[in-house]
């Protein structure tokens, strides 16, 4: 009796496994699954970060653009030209030295310097907003020059 019952369950399991309709095979994967696009979506923030660069860095107590910063902003201007409907926000940031008021003003000058450069490169000013976070949004923790250098930046984000 147990053998007949076991055989009946095995037959049911076999039929259940075979009853489904197989997914059609695709040329891209051969498995029936549609391949997900690789890489970030064009025009997205991930695309900006991965293919262009989203931040520029500044020297201590400065808001002037270095040649490296200008090169990054040149790439951003080109990317923004390719995606004319994208709006961005540039956030100016500082390291944790100095007063809150001083760092908010310095962060504003840094964000404005990046914005002004993009506008000079042909990006419509109406597509760019700026904000200063001063020292409130560090990207690197620590009280050393390496961390401070990473926190002196302007970050462009798709808005």
C-alpha atoms as a PDB file:
ATOM      1  CA  UNK A   1       0.000   0.000   0.000  1.00  0.00           C
ATOM      2  CA  UNK A   2       2.782   2.449   0.905  1.00  0.00           C
ATOM      3  CA  UNK A   3       4.504   1.698  -2.383  1.00  0.00           C
ATOM      4  CA  UNK A   4       1.361   2.452  -4.401  1.00  0.00           C
ATOM      5  CA  UNK A   5       0.825   5.694  -2.497  1.00  0.00           C
ATOM      6  CA  UNK A   6       4.446   6.725  -3.007  1.00  0.00           C
ATOM      7  CA  UNK A   7       4.200   5.889  -6.732  1.00  0.00           C
ATOM      8  CA  UNK A   8       1.032   7.971  -7.063  1.00  0.00           C
ATOM      9  CA  UNK A   9       2.732  10.995  -5.425  1.00  0.00           C
ATOM     10  CA  UNK A  10       5.788  10.569  -7.648  1.00  0.00           C
ATOM     11  CA  UNK A  11       3.593  10.448 -10.751  1.00  0.00           C
ATOM     12  CA  UNK A  12       1.721  13.582  -9.652  1.00  0.00           C
ATOM     13  CA  UNK A  13       4.976  15.407  -8.999  1.00  0.00           C
ATOM     14  CA  UNK A  14       6.299  14.390 -12.401  1.00  0.00           C
ATOM     15  CA  UNK A  15       3.131  15.544 -14.137  1.00  0.00           C
ATOM     16  CA  UNK A  16       3.143  18.843 -12.263  1.00  0.00           C
ATOM     17  CA  UNK A  17       6.735  19.474 -13.276  1.00  0.00           C
ATOM     18  CA  UNK A  18       6.001  18.781 -16.932  1.00  0.00           C
ATOM     19  CA  UNK A  19       2.685  20.613 -17.192  1.00  0.00           C
ATOM     20  CA  UNK A  20       4.043  24.162 -17.326  1.00  0.00           C
ATOM     21  CA  UNK A  21       4.576  25.878 -20.652  1.00  0.00           C
ATOM     22  CA  UNK A  22       8.249  26.604 -21.204  1.00  0.00           C
ATOM     23  CA  UNK A  23       9.196  30.227 -21.629  1.00  0.00           C
ATOM     24  CA  UNK A  24      10.212  31.164 -25.153  1.00  0.00           C
ATOM     25  CA  UNK A  25      13.933  31.392 -25.642  1.00  0.00           C
ATOM     26  CA  UNK A  26      15.431  34.730 -26.521  1.00  0.00           C
ATOM     27  CA  UNK A  27      18.401  35.333 -28.719  1.00  0.00           C
ATOM     28  CA  UNK A  28      20.152  37.387 -26.074  1.00  0.00           C
ATOM     29  CA  UNK A  29      20.234  34.914 -23.194  1.00  0.00           C
ATOM     30  CA  UNK A  30      18.926  31.612 -24.548  1.00  0.00           C
ATOM     31  CA  UNK A  31      17.152  30.993 -21.240  1.00  0.00           C
ATOM     32  CA  UNK A  32      13.825  32.667 -21.816  1.00  0.00           C
ATOM     33  CA  UNK A  33      14.751  35.553 -19.536  1.00  0.00           C
ATOM     34  CA  UNK A  34      15.047  39.006 -20.990  1.00  0.00           C
ATOM     35  CA  UNK A  35      18.466  40.439 -20.334  1.00  0.00           C
ATOM     36  CA  UNK A  36      18.418  43.519 -18.132  1.00  0.00           C
ATOM     37  CA  UNK A  37      20.194  46.503 -19.627  1.00  0.00           C
ATOM     38  CA  UNK A  38      23.677  46.785 -18.271  1.00  0.00           C
ATOM     39  CA  UNK A  39      24.859  50.012 -16.723  1.00  0.00           C
ATOM     40  CA  UNK A  40      22.960  53.034 -15.488  1.00  0.00           C
ATOM     41  CA  UNK A  41      19.922  54.497 -17.220  1.00  0.00           C
ATOM     42  CA  UNK A  42      21.035  57.275 -19.599  1.00  0.00           C
ATOM     43  CA  UNK A  43      20.331  60.716 -18.148  1.00  0.00           C
ATOM     44  CA  UNK A  44      20.047  59.414 -14.575  1.00  0.00           C
ATOM     45  CA  UNK A  45      22.079  60.432 -11.557  1.00  0.00           C
ATOM     46  CA  UNK A  46      23.822  57.055 -11.697  1.00  0.00           C
ATOM     47  CA  UNK A  47      24.791  57.813 -15.308  1.00  0.00           C
ATOM     48  CA  UNK A  48      26.193  61.191 -14.257  1.00  0.00           C
ATOM     49  CA  UNK A  49      28.233  59.658 -11.437  1.00  0.00           C
ATOM     50  CA  UNK A  50      29.516  56.675 -13.429  1.00  0.00           C
ATOM     51  CA  UNK A  51      30.291  58.329 -16.745  1.00  0.00           C
ATOM     52  CA  UNK A  52      31.010  61.975 -16.008  1.00  0.00           C
ATOM     53  CA  UNK A  53      31.750  62.555 -12.316  1.00  0.00           C
ATOM     54  CA  UNK A  54      29.479  64.344  -9.892  1.00  0.00           C
ATOM     55  CA  UNK A  55      31.894  66.326  -7.717  1.00  0.00           C
ATOM     56  CA  UNK A  56      34.677  68.843  -7.814  1.00  0.00           C
ATOM     57  CA  UNK A  57      37.105  69.556  -5.003  1.00  0.00           C
ATOM     58  CA  UNK A  58      38.487  72.763  -3.555  1.00  0.00           C
ATOM     59  CA  UNK A  59      41.542  73.803  -1.602  1.00  0.00           C
ATOM     60  CA  UNK A  60      41.300  74.889   2.031  1.00  0.00           C
ATOM     61  CA  UNK A  61      39.284  78.133   2.468  1.00  0.00           C
ATOM     62  CA  UNK A  62      38.933  78.494  -1.318  1.00  0.00           C
ATOM     63  CA  UNK A  63      36.157  78.530  -3.882  1.00  0.00           C
ATOM     64  CA  UNK A  64      38.235  78.871  -7.047  1.00  0.00           C
ATOM     65  CA  UNK A  65      38.106  76.036  -9.551  1.00  0.00           C
ATOM     66  CA  UNK A  66      41.221  73.967 -10.196  1.00  0.00           C
ATOM     67  CA  UNK A  67      42.055  72.585 -13.642  1.00  0.00           C
ATOM     68  CA  UNK A  68      40.793  69.156 -12.480  1.00  0.00           C
ATOM     69  CA  UNK A  69      37.523  70.737 -11.331  1.00  0.00           C
ATOM     70  CA  UNK A  70      37.125  72.521 -14.668  1.00  0.00           C
ATOM     71  CA  UNK A  71      37.709  69.253 -16.532  1.00  0.00           C
ATOM     72  CA  UNK A  72      34.954  67.558 -14.506  1.00  0.00           C
ATOM     73  CA  UNK A  73      32.609  70.493 -15.061  1.00  0.00           C
ATOM     74  CA  UNK A  74      33.388  70.414 -18.803  1.00  0.00           C
ATOM     75  CA  UNK A  75      32.241  66.774 -18.846  1.00  0.00           C
ATOM     76  CA  UNK A  76      29.135  67.715 -16.845  1.00  0.00           C
ATOM     77  CA  UNK A  77      28.328  70.510 -19.305  1.00  0.00           C
ATOM     78  CA  UNK A  78      28.601  68.054 -22.194  1.00  0.00           C
ATOM     79  CA  UNK A  79      26.415  65.540 -20.382  1.00  0.00           C
ATOM     80  CA  UNK A  80      23.813  68.203 -19.574  1.00  0.00           C
ATOM     81  CA  UNK A  81      23.856  69.234 -23.241  1.00  0.00           C
ATOM     82  CA  UNK A  82      23.055  65.635 -24.163  1.00  0.00           C
ATOM     83  CA  UNK A  83      20.115  65.530 -21.704  1.00  0.00           C
ATOM     84  CA  UNK A  84      18.440  68.950 -22.017  1.00  0.00           C
ATOM     85  CA  UNK A  85      15.474  68.066 -19.793  1.00  0.00           C
ATOM     86  CA  UNK A  86      17.624  67.157 -16.789  1.00  0.00           C
ATOM     87  CA  UNK A  87      17.635  69.613 -13.871  1.00  0.00           C
ATOM     88  CA  UNK A  88      20.515  69.538 -11.379  1.00  0.00           C
ATOM     89  CA  UNK A  89      21.304  70.849  -7.930  1.00  0.00           C
ATOM     90  CA  UNK A  90      24.850  71.715  -6.929  1.00  0.00           C
ATOM     91  CA  UNK A  91      25.587  71.389  -3.218  1.00  0.00           C
ATOM     92  CA  UNK A  92      28.552  73.238  -1.773  1.00  0.00           C
ATOM     93  CA  UNK A  93      30.294  71.519   1.140  1.00  0.00           C
ATOM     94  CA  UNK A  94      33.149  72.249   3.547  1.00  0.00           C
ATOM     95  CA  UNK A  95      35.334  70.399   5.982  1.00  0.00           C
ATOM     96  CA  UNK A  96      34.460  70.626   9.667  1.00  0.00           C
ATOM     97  CA  UNK A  97      36.884  73.412  10.549  1.00  0.00           C
ATOM     98  CA  UNK A  98      35.510  76.934  10.935  1.00  0.00           C
ATOM     99  CA  UNK A  99      32.242  78.284  12.221  1.00  0.00           C
ATOM    100  CA  UNK A 100      28.854  77.203  10.920  1.00  0.00           C
ATOM    101  CA  UNK A 101      28.239  80.646   9.400  1.00  0.00           C
ATOM    102  CA  UNK A 102      31.621  80.793   7.688  1.00  0.00           C
ATOM    103  CA  UNK A 103      31.228  77.300   6.217  1.00  0.00           C
ATOM    104  CA  UNK A 104      27.697  77.971   4.963  1.00  0.00           C
ATOM    105  CA  UNK A 105      28.967  81.064   3.122  1.00  0.00           C
ATOM    106  CA  UNK A 106      31.997  79.179   1.751  1.00  0.00           C
ATOM    107  CA  UNK A 107      29.803  76.272   0.616  1.00  0.00           C
ATOM    108  CA  UNK A 108      27.561  78.765  -1.175  1.00  0.00           C
ATOM    109  CA  UNK A 109      30.563  80.302  -2.970  1.00  0.00           C
ATOM    110  CA  UNK A 110      31.713  76.815  -4.016  1.00  0.00           C
ATOM    111  CA  UNK A 111      28.301  75.820  -5.379  1.00  0.00           C
ATOM    112  CA  UNK A 112      27.982  79.148  -7.204  1.00  0.00           C
ATOM    113  CA  UNK A 113      31.458  78.803  -8.729  1.00  0.00           C
ATOM    114  CA  UNK A 114      30.510  75.417 -10.191  1.00  0.00           C
ATOM    115  CA  UNK A 115      27.126  76.745 -11.391  1.00  0.00           C
ATOM    116  CA  UNK A 116      28.687  79.828 -12.973  1.00  0.00           C
ATOM    117  CA  UNK A 117      31.196  77.662 -14.823  1.00  0.00           C
ATOM    118  CA  UNK A 118      28.448  75.403 -16.207  1.00  0.00           C
ATOM    119  CA  UNK A 119      26.405  78.434 -17.274  1.00  0.00           C
ATOM    120  CA  UNK A 120      29.474  79.883 -19.025  1.00  0.00           C
ATOM    121  CA  UNK A 121      29.734  76.555 -20.881  1.00  0.00           C
ATOM    122  CA  UNK A 122      26.191  76.931 -22.208  1.00  0.00           C
ATOM    123  CA  UNK A 123      23.999  75.215 -19.622  1.00  0.00           C
ATOM    124  CA  UNK A 124      20.858  77.245 -18.956  1.00  0.00           C
ATOM    125  CA  UNK A 125      20.959  78.784 -15.484  1.00  0.00           C
ATOM    126  CA  UNK A 126      17.280  77.847 -15.048  1.00  0.00           C
ATOM    127  CA  UNK A 127      18.298  74.156 -15.012  1.00  0.00           C
ATOM    128  CA  UNK A 128      20.638  74.575 -12.036  1.00  0.00           C
ATOM    129  CA  UNK A 129      19.849  75.232  -8.385  1.00  0.00           C
ATOM    130  CA  UNK A 130      22.436  75.595  -5.655  1.00  0.00           C
ATOM    131  CA  UNK A 131      22.494  74.924  -1.945  1.00  0.00           C
ATOM    132  CA  UNK A 132      25.141  75.117   0.752  1.00  0.00           C
ATOM    133  CA  UNK A 133      25.381  72.494   3.440  1.00  0.00           C
ATOM    134  CA  UNK A 134      28.493  73.988   4.985  1.00  0.00           C
ATOM    135  CA  UNK A 135      30.029  71.304   7.157  1.00  0.00           C
ATOM    136  CA  UNK A 136      26.759  69.422   7.811  1.00  0.00           C
ATOM    137  CA  UNK A 137      27.105  66.674   5.164  1.00  0.00           C
ATOM    138  CA  UNK A 138      30.607  65.227   5.239  1.00  0.00           C
ATOM    139  CA  UNK A 139      31.388  62.441   2.796  1.00  0.00           C
ATOM    140  CA  UNK A 140      34.480  61.321   4.711  1.00  0.00           C
ATOM    141  CA  UNK A 141      34.804  60.998   8.456  1.00  0.00           C
ATOM    142  CA  UNK A 142      37.954  61.946  10.284  1.00  0.00           C
ATOM    143  CA  UNK A 143      39.983  64.871  11.499  1.00  0.00           C
ATOM    144  CA  UNK A 144      42.865  64.670   9.062  1.00  0.00           C
ATOM    145  CA  UNK A 145      43.818  66.242   5.749  1.00  0.00           C
ATOM    146  CA  UNK A 146      42.641  63.250   3.708  1.00  0.00           C
ATOM    147  CA  UNK A 147      39.098  63.460   5.118  1.00  0.00           C
ATOM    148  CA  UNK A 148      39.015  67.252   5.015  1.00  0.00           C
ATOM    149  CA  UNK A 149      40.085  67.263   1.334  1.00  0.00           C
ATOM    150  CA  UNK A 150      37.203  64.921   0.421  1.00  0.00           C
ATOM    151  CA  UNK A 151      34.698  67.140   2.262  1.00  0.00           C
ATOM    152  CA  UNK A 152      35.721  70.373   0.465  1.00  0.00           C
ATOM    153  CA  UNK A 153      33.556  69.874  -2.601  1.00  0.00           C
ATOM    154  CA  UNK A 154      30.608  70.792  -4.763  1.00  0.00           C
ATOM    155  CA  UNK A 155      28.417  67.831  -5.690  1.00  0.00           C
ATOM    156  CA  UNK A 156      26.098  67.892  -8.703  1.00  0.00           C
ATOM    157  CA  UNK A 157      22.948  65.793  -8.349  1.00  0.00           C
ATOM    158  CA  UNK A 158      20.065  65.174 -10.740  1.00  0.00           C
ATOM    159  CA  UNK A 159      17.144  67.077  -9.272  1.00  0.00           C
END
